[in-house]
């Protein structure tokens, strides 16, 4: 009877230790998941801001204004424009 009690006690302690360990690992993993979810949300916000900034800088009016003010470019006179078709180059 004493051997049976010792075996059952050992199995109970091992089982309890396994529950504690698995609970601890589960909580750590959940904590890591929450941190990564928060990080992903922050990256989504930053991505949206960067897309908005890109669309703002890529707007035709912004590019045209920068070309005229910073680079001194202007629209050429229609008499200065020459149209070259790709078929005549062959």
N, C-alpha and C. Protein backbone atom coordinates (compact mmCIF):
# COMPACT_ATOMS: atom_id res chain seq x y z
N UNK A 1 0.81 -1.19 0.00
CA UNK A 1 0.00 0.00 0.00
C UNK A 1 0.85 1.26 0.00
N UNK A 2 1.98 1.25 0.70
CA UNK A 2 2.84 2.43 0.76
C UNK A 2 3.45 2.74 -0.60
N UNK A 3 3.79 1.70 -1.35
CA UNK A 3 4.34 1.93 -2.69
C UNK A 3 3.30 2.57 -3.60
N UNK A 4 2.08 2.10 -3.50
CA UNK A 4 0.99 2.65 -4.31
C UNK A 4 0.76 4.12 -3.96
N UNK A 5 0.76 4.45 -2.69
CA UNK A 5 0.59 5.83 -2.25
C UNK A 5 1.74 6.71 -2.75
N UNK A 6 2.96 6.19 -2.70
CA UNK A 6 4.12 6.94 -3.17
C UNK A 6 4.04 7.19 -4.66
N UNK A 7 3.62 6.19 -5.41
CA UNK A 7 3.48 6.34 -6.87
C UNK A 7 2.39 7.35 -7.18
N UNK A 8 1.26 7.25 -6.51
CA UNK A 8 0.16 8.19 -6.74
C UNK A 8 0.56 9.61 -6.36
N UNK A 9 1.29 9.75 -5.25
CA UNK A 9 1.77 11.08 -4.85
C UNK A 9 2.72 11.65 -5.90
N UNK A 10 3.63 10.84 -6.39
CA UNK A 10 4.58 11.29 -7.41
C UNK A 10 3.84 11.69 -8.68
N UNK A 11 2.85 10.90 -9.07
CA UNK A 11 2.08 11.23 -10.28
C UNK A 11 1.28 12.51 -10.09
N UNK A 12 0.73 12.70 -8.90
CA UNK A 12 -0.02 13.92 -8.62
C UNK A 12 0.89 15.15 -8.65
N UNK A 13 2.07 15.04 -8.05
CA UNK A 13 3.01 16.16 -8.06
C UNK A 13 3.45 16.45 -9.49
N UNK A 14 3.74 15.40 -10.25
CA UNK A 14 4.15 15.60 -11.66
C UNK A 14 3.03 16.24 -12.46
N UNK A 15 1.79 15.79 -12.24
CA UNK A 15 0.64 16.36 -12.95
C UNK A 15 0.45 17.83 -12.57
N UNK A 16 0.55 18.14 -11.29
CA UNK A 16 0.40 19.54 -10.85
C UNK A 16 1.50 20.41 -11.44
N UNK A 17 2.72 19.90 -11.43
CA UNK A 17 3.84 20.65 -11.99
C UNK A 17 3.63 20.90 -13.49
N UNK A 18 3.10 19.91 -14.19
CA UNK A 18 2.82 20.06 -15.62
C UNK A 18 1.76 21.12 -15.87
N UNK A 19 0.73 21.15 -15.04
CA UNK A 19 -0.33 22.16 -15.18
C UNK A 19 0.25 23.56 -14.94
N UNK A 20 1.05 23.71 -13.90
CA UNK A 20 1.65 25.02 -13.60
C UNK A 20 2.55 25.47 -14.76
N UNK A 21 3.37 24.55 -15.26
CA UNK A 21 4.29 24.89 -16.35
C UNK A 21 3.53 25.27 -17.62
N UNK A 22 2.53 24.47 -17.98
CA UNK A 22 1.78 24.77 -19.20
C UNK A 22 0.99 26.07 -19.07
N UNK A 23 0.46 26.35 -17.88
CA UNK A 23 -0.25 27.61 -17.66
C UNK A 23 0.71 28.80 -17.80
N UNK A 24 1.90 28.66 -17.24
CA UNK A 24 2.89 29.74 -17.34
C UNK A 24 3.28 29.98 -18.79
N UNK A 25 3.55 28.92 -19.53
CA UNK A 25 3.92 29.06 -20.94
C UNK A 25 2.78 29.67 -21.74
N UNK A 26 1.56 29.24 -21.45
CA UNK A 26 0.39 29.78 -22.14
C UNK A 26 0.25 31.29 -21.89
N UNK A 27 0.45 31.71 -20.66
CA UNK A 27 0.34 33.14 -20.35
C UNK A 27 1.46 33.95 -21.00
N UNK A 28 2.65 33.38 -21.05
CA UNK A 28 3.75 34.07 -21.73
C UNK A 28 3.46 34.24 -23.21
N UNK A 29 2.96 33.17 -23.84
CA UNK A 29 2.64 33.24 -25.26
C UNK A 29 1.52 34.23 -25.54
N UNK A 30 0.52 34.27 -24.66
CA UNK A 30 -0.57 35.22 -24.83
C UNK A 30 -0.06 36.65 -24.69
N UNK A 31 0.84 36.88 -23.76
CA UNK A 31 1.44 38.19 -23.58
C UNK A 31 2.22 38.60 -24.83
N UNK A 32 2.98 37.66 -25.37
CA UNK A 32 3.73 37.94 -26.60
C UNK A 32 2.78 38.24 -27.76
N UNK A 33 1.69 37.50 -27.83
CA UNK A 33 0.70 37.73 -28.89
C UNK A 33 0.11 39.13 -28.78
N UNK A 34 -0.21 39.56 -27.58
CA UNK A 34 -0.76 40.90 -27.38
C UNK A 34 0.23 41.98 -27.80
N UNK A 35 1.51 41.78 -27.46
CA UNK A 35 2.54 42.75 -27.85
C UNK A 35 2.67 42.83 -29.37
N UNK A 36 2.66 41.68 -30.02
CA UNK A 36 2.80 41.65 -31.47
C UNK A 36 1.57 42.22 -32.17
N UNK A 37 0.40 41.99 -31.59
CA UNK A 37 -0.82 42.56 -32.14
C UNK A 37 -0.78 44.09 -32.06
N UNK A 38 -0.33 44.60 -30.93
CA UNK A 38 -0.21 46.05 -30.77
C UNK A 38 0.81 46.62 -31.75
N UNK A 39 1.91 45.92 -31.92
CA UNK A 39 2.93 46.35 -32.87
C UNK A 39 2.39 46.34 -34.29
N UNK A 40 1.62 45.33 -34.64
CA UNK A 40 1.03 45.25 -35.97
C UNK A 40 0.04 46.39 -36.21
N UNK A 41 -0.73 46.73 -35.18
CA UNK A 41 -1.67 47.85 -35.31
C UNK A 41 -0.92 49.16 -35.52
N UNK A 42 0.18 49.35 -34.79
CA UNK A 42 0.97 50.57 -34.96
C UNK A 42 1.57 50.63 -36.36
N UNK A 43 2.02 49.50 -36.87
CA UNK A 43 2.57 49.46 -38.22
C UNK A 43 1.49 49.74 -39.26
N UNK A 44 0.26 49.26 -39.02
CA UNK A 44 -0.84 49.56 -39.93
C UNK A 44 -1.14 51.06 -39.96
N UNK A 45 -1.11 51.69 -38.79
CA UNK A 45 -1.35 53.14 -38.73
C UNK A 45 -0.25 53.88 -39.48
N UNK A 46 1.00 53.48 -39.25
CA UNK A 46 2.12 54.13 -39.93
C UNK A 46 2.04 53.91 -41.44
N UNK A 47 1.65 52.71 -41.86
CA UNK A 47 1.51 52.43 -43.29
C UNK A 47 0.44 53.32 -43.92
N UNK A 48 -0.68 53.49 -43.22
CA UNK A 48 -1.74 54.37 -43.72
C UNK A 48 -1.26 55.81 -43.84
N UNK A 49 -0.49 56.27 -42.86
CA UNK A 49 0.04 57.63 -42.91
C UNK A 49 1.02 57.78 -44.08
N UNK A 50 1.84 56.77 -44.30
CA UNK A 50 2.79 56.84 -45.41
C UNK A 50 2.08 56.80 -46.76
N UNK A 51 1.00 56.02 -46.86
CA UNK A 51 0.24 56.01 -48.11
C UNK A 51 -0.40 57.37 -48.37
N UNK A 52 -0.91 57.99 -47.32
CA UNK A 52 -1.50 59.32 -47.46
C UNK A 52 -0.45 60.32 -47.89
N UNK A 53 0.72 60.25 -47.27
CA UNK A 53 1.80 61.16 -47.64
C UNK A 53 2.24 60.93 -49.07
N UNK A 54 2.32 59.67 -49.48
CA UNK A 54 2.73 59.36 -50.85
C UNK A 54 1.71 59.90 -51.85
N UNK A 55 0.43 59.74 -51.55
CA UNK A 55 -0.58 60.24 -52.47
C UNK A 55 -0.55 61.77 -52.53
N UNK A 56 -0.22 62.39 -51.41
CA UNK A 56 -0.13 63.86 -51.41
C UNK A 56 1.04 64.33 -52.26
N UNK A 57 2.21 63.69 -52.07
CA UNK A 57 3.38 64.10 -52.83
C UNK A 57 3.28 63.70 -54.30
N UNK A 58 2.50 62.69 -54.60
CA UNK A 58 2.37 62.25 -55.98
C UNK A 58 1.30 62.98 -56.76
N UNK A 59 0.57 63.87 -56.12
CA UNK A 59 -0.49 64.60 -56.81
C UNK A 59 0.11 65.46 -57.91
N UNK A 60 -0.56 65.50 -59.02
CA UNK A 60 -0.06 66.22 -60.20
C UNK A 60 0.20 67.70 -59.89
N UNK A 61 -0.69 68.33 -59.16
CA UNK A 61 -0.53 69.76 -58.86
C UNK A 61 0.72 70.01 -58.02
N UNK A 62 1.01 69.12 -57.08
CA UNK A 62 2.19 69.30 -56.23
C UNK A 62 3.46 69.16 -57.06
N UNK A 63 3.47 68.18 -57.95
CA UNK A 63 4.64 67.97 -58.81
C UNK A 63 4.83 69.14 -59.75
N UNK A 64 3.74 69.62 -60.32
CA UNK A 64 3.84 70.75 -61.24
C UNK A 64 4.32 72.01 -60.52
N UNK A 65 3.85 72.24 -59.32
CA UNK A 65 4.27 73.42 -58.55
C UNK A 65 5.76 73.32 -58.20
N UNK A 66 6.20 72.12 -57.78
CA UNK A 66 7.62 71.94 -57.46
C UNK A 66 8.49 72.13 -58.69
N UNK A 67 8.03 71.65 -59.83
CA UNK A 67 8.80 71.80 -61.06
C UNK A 67 8.93 73.27 -61.45
N UNK A 68 7.87 74.02 -61.26
CA UNK A 68 7.94 75.43 -61.66
C UNK A 68 8.69 76.29 -60.65
N UNK A 69 8.52 76.05 -59.36
CA UNK A 69 9.17 76.90 -58.37
C UNK A 69 10.62 76.51 -58.12
N UNK A 70 10.88 75.22 -57.87
CA UNK A 70 12.24 74.82 -57.52
C UNK A 70 13.14 74.62 -58.73
N UNK A 71 12.57 74.13 -59.82
CA UNK A 71 13.40 73.81 -60.98
C UNK A 71 13.29 74.83 -62.11
N UNK A 72 12.36 75.76 -61.96
CA UNK A 72 12.21 76.79 -62.98
C UNK A 72 11.67 76.24 -64.29
N UNK A 73 10.96 75.16 -64.26
CA UNK A 73 10.41 74.55 -65.48
C UNK A 73 9.08 75.21 -65.82
N UNK A 74 8.71 75.16 -67.06
CA UNK A 74 7.44 75.70 -67.50
C UNK A 74 6.91 74.85 -68.67
N UNK A 75 5.64 75.00 -68.95
CA UNK A 75 5.03 74.27 -70.05
C UNK A 75 5.51 74.90 -71.35
N UNK A 76 6.00 74.09 -72.29
CA UNK A 76 6.50 74.64 -73.54
C UNK A 76 5.38 75.19 -74.42
N UNK A 77 5.75 76.09 -75.27
CA UNK A 77 4.82 76.64 -76.25
C UNK A 77 4.41 75.53 -77.22
N UNK A 78 3.15 75.49 -77.63
CA UNK A 78 2.73 74.42 -78.53
C UNK A 78 3.56 74.35 -79.82
N UNK A 79 4.13 75.47 -80.26
CA UNK A 79 4.95 75.45 -81.48
C UNK A 79 6.29 74.75 -81.24
N UNK A 80 6.69 74.62 -79.98
CA UNK A 80 7.95 73.97 -79.67
C UNK A 80 7.81 72.46 -79.49
N UNK A 81 6.59 71.97 -79.46
CA UNK A 81 6.36 70.55 -79.22
C UNK A 81 6.44 69.79 -80.53
N UNK A 82 7.21 68.71 -80.54
CA UNK A 82 7.30 67.84 -81.70
C UNK A 82 6.83 66.45 -81.29
N UNK A 83 5.89 65.90 -82.04
CA UNK A 83 5.37 64.57 -81.74
C UNK A 83 6.09 63.58 -82.63
N UNK A 84 6.65 62.57 -82.01
CA UNK A 84 7.38 61.53 -82.74
C UNK A 84 6.64 60.23 -82.52
N UNK A 85 6.22 59.59 -83.59
CA UNK A 85 5.52 58.32 -83.43
C UNK A 85 6.55 57.20 -83.39
N UNK A 86 6.21 56.13 -82.77
CA UNK A 86 7.15 55.01 -82.61
C UNK A 86 7.32 54.27 -83.93
N UNK A 87 6.39 54.35 -84.86
CA UNK A 87 6.51 53.68 -86.15
C UNK A 87 7.54 54.35 -87.05
N UNK A 88 7.72 55.64 -86.92
CA UNK A 88 8.68 56.32 -87.79
C UNK A 88 10.12 56.02 -87.37
N UNK A 89 10.30 55.53 -86.13
CA UNK A 89 11.65 55.24 -85.64
C UNK A 89 12.15 53.90 -86.20
N UNK A 90 11.26 53.06 -86.73
CA UNK A 90 11.67 51.74 -87.22
C UNK A 90 12.25 51.81 -88.57
